[in-house]
Amino acid sequence: MTRPTTSRRGFLGASLGMSALAFAAPTRLLARENAADIAIHNATASNPLGDPPGVYLNYNELPEGPCPAARKAMVDAIPHAGRYSHNMVSEMQKTLAQDLGVSPEWLLIYPGSGSLLKLAPHAFTSSSRPLVIASPGYEDCVRGAKSAGSPITEVPLLDSGAHDIDAMLQKPAGLLYICNPNNPTGTVTPHDKLVQAIERTPADTIIIVDEAYIHFSNQPSVIPLIASHPNLVVMRTFSKVYGMAGVRCGFAVGRPDVLASLKQFAGDPELSVLAAVGCTASLKQPNLVAERKLLNAKRRDKTMQWLTQQGFTCMPSETNFFMVDVKRPTQDVVNGLLQKGVHVSNRWKMLPTTLRVSVGTEQDMAAFRLAFAEVMGLKGSALSTAA
């Protein structure tokens, strides 16, 4: 990113206090025995996937991975993975439908919700019926619209970080996409505003509400509204709170006729046996979501509080990531963190001084804080409280 100032939205209206920062003396860092490097080493001591050593806080993954019941189910299913075992997929669909309170026919299960989001513009937009999306927002629908050759209308978020529903509804659309909570900002659009959007969207326009991060949030789902609003589709994934990003499983919830239009481009879902049994086992753990939501909030809020104490502004977040304004062009900060093995994201041109940081383990977050303190030249209590 090269733009030197924040956007006209003023970092989406965040107003937390900021203070002047001094630069740390090299002796302070030496006295801490290169604590950032030690923390990164501890956080990445075991890396069976073969990724380069480092702290990966750039893809909004859940570090705990699948729950123990899901792991056992997948291991137990490996001897049967030589067969297609459609019954296992059907069992997952029934379990998921029961969990959501919908009919199994209202589900389209797929190897990742991102693939469905890329295909949706092919089904619901055209050269005269654009995709309408917030900016900044999750990009998969944009990629799909570009592939389909459909126009794209981007509407800036409000200062609060919520979707500007009124402005979005004023735009002609074949597909209206709302990610709530929003990626990359972590902010939410209030439920009453979502209901207004759903009620006011023309019947011949499909509205997709992406609830990939809903389990980390205090917001209610809009899935119950599908019964009275046939043009509503809700997307979800097992990649986030269920910790199964590498397993690949997502789904759409909608009326069968609408899902049929999407299925023309998605084809028959080819979900793996391991994904089916792992997801089924996860859904049967009654306290899993609540426990992981609490753990994530504790880790996220601790690091956001520390950053605020150092004079940096963080957006409010109800997800497993957050955004922080580093008060300078981000690429230098990203490069500095990368040299210390810490990976974060900064690809949003409208937010040129803002990083998105995923929530990792306690060790991951300590490594991030210590590396950030070094890169930003913090001193004194910033270093002593970072670990």
Protein backbone atom coordinates (compact mmCIF):
# COMPACT_ATOMS: atom_id res chain seq x y z
CA MET A 1 0.00 0.00 0.00
CA THR A 2 1.35 3.40 -0.97
CA ARG A 3 -1.29 5.96 -0.03
CA PRO A 4 0.06 7.94 2.94
CA THR A 5 -3.22 8.99 4.64
CA THR A 6 -6.32 7.32 6.00
CA SER A 7 -9.53 7.24 3.98
CA ARG A 8 -12.18 9.94 4.02
CA ARG A 9 -14.16 7.74 6.38
CA GLY A 10 -11.48 8.52 8.97
CA PHE A 11 -10.72 4.94 9.88
CA LEU A 12 -14.47 4.33 10.02
CA GLY A 13 -14.97 6.82 12.82
CA ALA A 14 -13.00 5.01 15.51
CA SER A 15 -12.28 7.49 18.29
CA LEU A 16 -10.07 5.81 20.83
CA GLY A 17 -7.39 8.06 22.29
CA MET A 18 -3.89 8.24 20.80
CA SER A 19 -0.65 9.42 22.39
CA ALA A 20 2.86 10.32 21.23
CA LEU A 21 5.29 7.41 20.99
CA ALA A 22 8.97 7.41 21.79
CA PHE A 23 11.53 5.06 20.28
CA ALA A 24 13.05 2.24 22.27
CA ALA A 25 16.74 2.12 23.07
CA PRO A 26 18.49 -0.92 21.60
CA THR A 27 19.71 -1.87 25.06
CA ARG A 28 16.12 -2.38 26.19
CA LEU A 29 15.54 -4.94 23.48
CA LEU A 30 18.82 -6.67 24.23
CA ALA A 31 17.94 -6.75 27.91
CA ARG A 32 14.81 -8.71 27.02
CA GLU A 33 17.00 -11.29 25.22
CA ASN A 34 15.20 -10.75 21.92
CA ALA A 35 11.90 -11.73 23.49
CA ALA A 36 9.98 -11.54 20.20
CA ASP A 37 12.21 -14.17 18.62
CA ILE A 38 11.87 -16.41 21.68
CA ALA A 39 8.08 -16.05 21.64
CA ILE A 40 7.90 -16.82 17.93
CA HIS A 41 10.08 -19.89 18.39
CA ASN A 42 7.81 -21.15 21.18
CA ALA A 43 4.68 -20.50 19.13
CA THR A 44 5.98 -22.43 16.11
CA ALA A 45 7.99 -25.23 17.71
CA SER A 46 5.75 -27.81 16.03
CA ASN A 47 4.88 -27.25 12.39
CA PRO A 48 3.81 -30.54 10.78
CA LEU A 49 2.30 -28.87 7.69
CA GLY A 50 5.69 -27.81 6.44
CA ASP A 51 4.97 -24.07 6.41
CA PRO A 52 7.99 -21.84 7.07
CA PRO A 53 8.36 -21.15 10.80
CA GLY A 54 6.34 -18.16 11.87
CA VAL A 55 3.22 -16.83 13.53
CA TYR A 56 0.39 -16.84 11.00
CA LEU A 57 -2.19 -14.19 11.87
CA ASN A 58 -3.27 -13.39 8.31
CA TYR A 59 -6.08 -15.78 7.33
CA ASN A 60 -8.53 -15.66 10.27
CA GLU A 61 -8.02 -19.32 11.08
CA LEU A 62 -8.83 -20.83 14.47
CA PRO A 63 -5.57 -22.11 15.99
CA GLU A 64 -7.22 -24.91 18.01
CA GLY A 65 -8.29 -26.66 14.81
CA PRO A 66 -11.05 -29.29 14.87
CA CYS A 67 -12.42 -30.24 18.28
CA PRO A 68 -11.33 -33.60 19.76
CA ALA A 69 -14.57 -35.31 18.74
CA ALA A 70 -14.15 -34.16 15.15
CA ARG A 71 -10.54 -35.30 15.07
CA LYS A 72 -11.49 -38.74 16.33
CA ALA A 73 -14.35 -39.02 13.84
CA MET A 74 -12.06 -38.12 10.94
CA VAL A 75 -9.34 -40.55 12.05
CA ASP A 76 -11.90 -43.32 12.46
CA ALA A 77 -13.25 -42.61 8.97
CA ILE A 78 -9.88 -42.85 7.22
CA PRO A 79 -10.14 -46.61 6.60
CA HIS A 80 -13.45 -45.95 4.83
CA ALA A 81 -12.16 -43.03 2.75
CA GLY A 82 -11.67 -45.32 -0.24
CA ARG A 83 -15.42 -45.21 -0.79
CA TYR A 84 -17.68 -42.29 -1.61
CA SER A 85 -19.92 -43.01 1.39
CA HIS A 86 -22.79 -40.73 0.43
CA ASN A 87 -24.62 -41.83 3.56
CA MET A 88 -22.13 -39.93 5.71
CA VAL A 89 -22.81 -36.74 3.75
CA SER A 90 -26.55 -37.28 4.08
CA GLU A 91 -26.15 -37.76 7.83
CA MET A 92 -24.26 -34.49 8.06
CA GLN A 93 -26.98 -32.68 6.12
CA LYS A 94 -29.67 -34.01 8.47
CA THR A 95 -27.64 -33.04 11.55
CA LEU A 96 -26.94 -29.57 10.20
CA ALA A 97 -30.59 -29.02 9.25
CA GLN A 98 -31.66 -29.98 12.76
CA ASP A 99 -29.06 -27.64 14.28
CA LEU A 100 -30.31 -24.71 12.17
CA GLY A 101 -34.00 -25.52 12.40
CA VAL A 102 -34.53 -25.83 8.65
CA SER A 103 -35.44 -28.57 6.21
CA PRO A 104 -32.50 -30.50 4.70
CA GLU A 105 -33.70 -29.35 1.27
CA TRP A 106 -32.87 -25.77 2.31
CA LEU A 107 -29.15 -26.60 2.44
CA LEU A 108 -26.49 -26.60 -0.25
CA ILE A 109 -23.32 -28.04 1.29
CA TYR A 110 -20.07 -27.42 -0.55
CA PRO A 111 -16.29 -27.74 -0.05
CA GLY A 112 -15.96 -24.21 1.34
CA SER A 113 -18.40 -21.28 1.33
CA GLY A 114 -15.88 -19.18 -0.61
CA SER A 115 -16.50 -21.27 -3.70
CA LEU A 116 -20.24 -20.67 -3.41
CA LEU A 117 -19.65 -16.93 -3.04
CA LYS A 118 -17.59 -16.90 -6.22
CA LEU A 119 -20.32 -18.77 -8.08
CA ALA A 120 -23.23 -16.68 -6.80
CA PRO A 121 -22.65 -13.73 -9.19
CA HIS A 122 -22.78 -16.16 -12.11
CA ALA A 123 -26.26 -17.20 -10.98
CA PHE A 124 -27.70 -13.88 -9.83
CA THR A 125 -26.02 -11.00 -11.72
CA SER A 126 -25.75 -9.93 -15.34
CA SER A 127 -24.45 -7.06 -17.45
CA SER A 128 -27.49 -5.00 -16.40
CA ARG A 129 -27.90 -6.31 -12.83
CA PRO A 130 -24.77 -5.56 -10.81
CA LEU A 131 -23.30 -6.96 -7.64
CA VAL A 132 -23.69 -4.43 -4.81
CA ILE A 133 -21.19 -4.84 -1.98
CA ALA A 134 -19.68 -2.84 0.88
CA SER A 135 -16.18 -1.40 0.78
CA PRO A 136 -14.08 -2.69 2.35
CA GLY A 137 -15.72 -6.10 2.26
CA TYR A 138 -14.97 -9.74 1.64
CA GLU A 139 -13.75 -10.16 -1.92
CA ASP A 140 -14.95 -13.56 -3.15
CA CYS A 141 -18.22 -12.22 -4.59
CA VAL A 142 -16.22 -9.51 -6.36
CA ARG A 143 -13.98 -12.16 -7.89
CA GLY A 144 -17.04 -14.04 -9.05
CA ALA A 145 -18.63 -10.95 -10.58
CA LYS A 146 -15.45 -10.15 -12.48
CA SER A 147 -15.35 -13.71 -13.78
CA ALA A 148 -18.99 -13.42 -14.85
CA GLY A 149 -18.38 -10.06 -16.53
CA SER A 150 -20.94 -8.34 -14.31
CA PRO A 151 -20.63 -4.76 -13.04
CA ILE A 152 -19.74 -4.17 -9.39
CA THR A 153 -21.03 -1.32 -7.23
CA GLU A 154 -19.08 -0.68 -4.02
CA VAL A 155 -20.66 1.32 -1.20
CA PRO A 156 -18.41 2.60 1.64
CA LEU A 157 -19.16 1.42 5.15
CA LEU A 158 -20.59 3.90 7.60
CA ASP A 159 -18.33 5.58 10.15
CA SER A 160 -19.49 2.96 12.67
CA GLY A 161 -18.25 0.16 10.42
CA ALA A 162 -21.80 -0.96 9.67
CA HIS A 163 -23.10 -1.43 6.14
CA ASP A 164 -24.76 1.66 4.69
CA ILE A 165 -28.04 -0.13 4.04
CA ASP A 166 -29.88 2.92 2.75
CA ALA A 167 -27.18 3.69 0.18
CA MET A 168 -26.87 0.05 -0.89
CA LEU A 169 -30.60 -0.27 -1.48
CA GLN A 170 -30.57 2.78 -3.74
CA LYS A 171 -28.33 0.95 -6.20
CA PRO A 172 -29.77 -1.33 -8.89
CA ALA A 173 -28.70 -4.89 -8.14
CA GLY A 174 -29.09 -8.48 -9.14
CA LEU A 175 -27.20 -9.53 -6.01
CA LEU A 176 -26.80 -7.62 -2.75
CA TYR A 177 -24.02 -9.01 -0.54
CA ILE A 178 -23.70 -8.26 3.18
CA CYS A 179 -20.98 -9.86 5.31
CA ASN A 180 -22.00 -9.63 8.97
CA PRO A 181 -19.81 -9.45 10.97
CA ASN A 182 -17.82 -7.83 8.21
CA ASN A 183 -14.51 -9.07 6.90
CA PRO A 184 -11.99 -7.33 6.99
CA THR A 185 -13.19 -4.81 9.59
CA GLY A 186 -14.70 -7.14 12.21
CA THR A 187 -17.55 -4.68 12.69
CA VAL A 188 -21.25 -5.53 12.74
CA THR A 189 -24.38 -4.17 11.13
CA PRO A 190 -27.17 -4.04 13.75
CA HIS A 191 -29.82 -6.71 13.41
CA ASP A 192 -32.64 -4.23 12.90
CA LYS A 193 -30.78 -2.72 9.96
CA LEU A 194 -30.26 -6.16 8.45
CA VAL A 195 -33.96 -6.86 8.79
CA GLN A 196 -34.69 -3.57 7.03
CA ALA A 197 -32.33 -4.53 4.21
CA ILE A 198 -34.00 -7.92 3.81
CA GLU A 199 -37.50 -6.47 3.89
CA ARG A 200 -36.73 -3.65 1.45
CA THR A 201 -34.71 -5.61 -1.10
CA PRO A 202 -36.78 -6.07 -4.28
CA ALA A 203 -38.16 -9.58 -4.70
CA ASP A 204 -36.22 -10.11 -7.93
CA THR A 205 -32.89 -9.25 -6.24
CA ILE A 206 -31.08 -11.93 -4.28
CA ILE A 207 -29.63 -10.81 -0.95
CA ILE A 208 -26.81 -12.89 0.52
CA VAL A 209 -25.93 -12.44 4.19
CA ASP A 210 -22.56 -14.03 4.90
CA GLU A 211 -22.49 -15.27 8.51
CA ALA A 212 -19.01 -16.79 8.42
CA TYR A 213 -18.13 -15.08 11.73
CA ILE A 214 -21.55 -15.05 13.38
CA HIS A 215 -20.49 -17.51 16.11
CA PHE A 216 -17.95 -15.03 17.49
CA SER A 217 -20.57 -12.30 17.58
CA ASN A 218 -23.47 -11.32 19.79
CA GLN A 219 -25.64 -10.77 16.71
CA PRO A 220 -28.61 -13.07 15.99
CA SER A 221 -28.72 -14.99 12.74
CA VAL A 222 -31.10 -14.01 9.93
CA ILE A 223 -31.69 -17.65 8.93
CA PRO A 224 -35.22 -17.58 10.46
CA LEU A 225 -36.16 -14.83 7.98
CA ILE A 226 -35.66 -17.08 4.95
CA ALA A 227 -39.12 -18.60 5.44
CA SER A 228 -40.79 -15.24 4.79
CA HIS A 229 -38.23 -13.83 2.33
CA PRO A 230 -37.61 -16.21 -0.59
CA ASN A 231 -34.83 -14.05 -2.05
CA LEU A 232 -32.66 -14.36 1.10
CA VAL A 233 -29.65 -16.71 1.16
CA VAL A 234 -27.39 -17.13 4.19
CA MET A 235 -23.82 -18.41 3.83
CA ARG A 236 -21.89 -20.14 6.60
CA THR A 237 -18.65 -22.06 7.00
CA PHE A 238 -16.96 -24.62 9.24
CA SER A 239 -13.62 -22.85 8.68
CA LYS A 240 -13.87 -20.37 11.55
CA VAL A 241 -15.28 -21.25 14.98
CA TYR A 242 -15.18 -24.98 14.18
CA GLY A 243 -11.48 -24.72 13.22
CA MET A 244 -11.77 -26.71 9.99
CA ALA A 245 -10.38 -24.33 7.37
CA GLY A 246 -8.18 -27.03 5.87
CA VAL A 247 -10.99 -29.59 5.84
CA ARG A 248 -13.09 -27.41 3.49
CA CYS A 249 -16.80 -27.31 4.24
CA GLY A 250 -19.29 -24.47 3.87
CA PHE A 251 -22.94 -24.19 3.00
CA ALA A 252 -25.76 -21.99 1.78
CA VAL A 253 -29.18 -21.84 3.45
CA GLY A 254 -32.06 -20.80 1.23
CA ARG A 255 -35.28 -21.74 -0.49
CA PRO A 256 -34.84 -24.80 -2.75
CA ASP A 257 -35.73 -22.90 -5.94
CA VAL A 258 -33.09 -20.25 -5.23
CA LEU A 259 -30.49 -22.87 -4.34
CA ALA A 260 -31.34 -24.65 -7.59
CA SER A 261 -30.23 -21.55 -9.51
CA LEU A 262 -26.96 -21.54 -7.61
CA LYS A 263 -26.53 -25.27 -8.06
CA GLN A 264 -26.62 -24.85 -11.84
CA PHE A 265 -23.14 -23.36 -11.49
CA ALA A 266 -22.01 -25.17 -8.33
CA GLY A 267 -22.91 -28.62 -9.60
CA ASP A 268 -23.40 -31.54 -7.23
CA PRO A 269 -21.49 -30.98 -3.99
CA GLU A 270 -18.50 -33.31 -3.68
CA LEU A 271 -17.90 -33.14 0.05
CA SER A 272 -15.20 -35.44 1.36
CA VAL A 273 -16.05 -38.23 3.77
CA LEU A 274 -13.64 -36.78 6.33
CA ALA A 275 -15.31 -33.36 6.15
CA ALA A 276 -18.75 -34.92 6.55
CA VAL A 277 -17.93 -36.92 9.67
CA GLY A 278 -15.81 -34.15 11.20
CA CYS A 279 -18.53 -31.54 10.76
CA THR A 280 -21.21 -33.89 12.05
CA ALA A 281 -19.19 -34.58 15.20
CA SER A 282 -18.59 -30.85 15.73
CA LEU A 283 -22.28 -30.05 15.53
CA LYS A 284 -23.00 -32.60 18.25
CA GLN A 285 -20.76 -30.84 20.82
CA PRO A 286 -23.21 -28.68 22.79
CA ASN A 287 -20.74 -26.25 24.41
CA LEU A 288 -18.14 -26.02 21.65
CA VAL A 289 -19.21 -22.73 20.08
CA ALA A 290 -19.75 -20.91 23.38
CA GLU A 291 -16.40 -22.05 24.78
CA ARG A 292 -14.48 -21.04 21.67
CA LYS A 293 -16.28 -17.72 21.44
CA LEU A 294 -15.24 -16.90 25.02
CA LEU A 295 -11.64 -18.00 24.50
CA ASN A 296 -11.33 -15.99 21.29
CA ALA A 297 -12.76 -12.84 22.91
CA LYS A 298 -10.32 -13.09 25.80
CA ARG A 299 -7.28 -13.32 23.53
CA ARG A 300 -8.55 -10.68 21.09
CA ASP A 301 -9.51 -8.14 23.74
CA LYS A 302 -6.22 -8.53 25.61
CA THR A 303 -4.19 -7.58 22.54
CA MET A 304 -6.59 -4.81 21.49
CA GLN A 305 -6.39 -3.34 25.00
CA TRP A 306 -2.61 -3.46 24.91
CA LEU A 307 -2.53 -1.71 21.52
CA THR A 308 -4.91 0.96 22.79
CA GLN A 309 -2.68 1.53 25.81
CA GLN A 310 0.21 2.18 23.42
CA GLY A 311 -1.81 4.86 21.62
CA PHE A 312 -3.09 2.92 18.63
CA THR A 313 -6.70 2.87 17.49
CA CYS A 314 -8.47 -0.46 17.03
CA MET A 315 -11.84 -0.95 15.40
CA PRO A 316 -14.48 -2.65 17.53
CA SER A 317 -14.51 -6.34 16.62
CA GLU A 318 -16.95 -9.22 17.06
CA THR A 319 -14.82 -11.70 15.13
CA ASN A 320 -11.60 -13.70 15.44
CA PHE A 321 -9.60 -10.79 14.00
CA PHE A 322 -9.35 -7.03 14.42
CA MET A 323 -8.00 -3.99 12.61
CA VAL A 324 -5.51 -1.52 14.04
CA ASP A 325 -4.39 1.84 12.69
CA VAL A 326 -0.57 1.94 12.89
CA LYS A 327 -0.43 5.63 11.91
CA ARG A 328 1.96 5.08 9.02
CA PRO A 329 1.89 3.28 5.65
CA THR A 330 1.42 -0.35 6.55
CA GLN A 331 3.84 -2.04 4.17
CA ASP A 332 6.88 -1.05 6.22
CA VAL A 333 5.21 -2.44 9.34
CA VAL A 334 4.17 -5.63 7.55
CA ASN A 335 7.72 -6.11 6.29
CA GLY A 336 9.15 -5.50 9.74
CA LEU A 337 6.81 -8.01 11.33
CA LEU A 338 7.51 -10.50 8.55
CA GLN A 339 11.24 -10.27 9.26
CA LYS A 340 10.39 -11.41 12.77
CA GLY A 341 8.22 -14.24 11.48
CA VAL A 342 4.83 -12.65 12.15
CA HIS A 343 2.33 -12.64 9.27
CA VAL A 344 -0.56 -10.13 9.16
CA SER A 345 -2.70 -8.61 6.38
CA ASN A 346 -2.81 -5.13 4.84
CA ARG A 347 -4.32 -5.41 1.35
CA TRP A 348 -7.08 -2.77 1.58
CA LYS A 349 -6.18 0.36 -0.36
CA MET A 350 -8.93 2.44 1.25
CA LEU A 351 -7.30 1.80 4.66
CA PRO A 352 -3.62 2.50 3.93
CA THR A 353 -2.47 2.70 7.56
CA THR A 354 -4.48 -0.24 8.84
CA LEU A 355 -3.50 -3.84 9.60
CA ARG A 356 -5.81 -6.79 10.05
CA VAL A 357 -4.59 -9.17 12.75
CA SER A 358 -6.12 -12.61 13.24
CA VAL A 359 -6.47 -14.00 16.75
CA GLY A 360 -4.09 -16.87 17.45
CA THR A 361 -3.04 -18.77 20.53
CA GLU A 362 -1.85 -17.00 23.68
CA GLN A 363 1.72 -17.61 22.48
CA ASP A 364 0.88 -16.27 19.01
CA MET A 365 -0.56 -13.06 20.42
CA ALA A 366 2.37 -12.55 22.79
CA ALA A 367 4.73 -13.00 19.84
CA PHE A 368 2.74 -10.44 17.84
CA ARG A 369 2.79 -7.89 20.66
CA LEU A 370 6.52 -8.24 21.23
CA ALA A 371 7.35 -8.10 17.50
CA PHE A 372 5.02 -5.12 17.05
CA ALA A 373 6.71 -3.32 19.94
CA GLU A 374 10.10 -3.83 18.31
CA VAL A 375 8.99 -2.80 14.83
CA MET A 376 7.18 0.30 16.11
CA GLY A 377 10.03 1.28 18.43
CA LEU A 378 8.03 1.13 21.64
CA LYS A 379 9.77 1.29 25.00
CA GLY A 380 9.25 0.99 28.74
CA SER A 381 5.98 -0.53 29.88
CA ALA A 382 5.01 -1.36 26.29
CA LEU A 383 7.70 -4.02 26.28
CA SER A 384 7.20 -5.25 29.82
CA THR A 385 3.45 -5.74 29.26
CA ALA A 386 3.70 -7.21 25.75
CA ALA A 387 4.67 -10.74 26.77
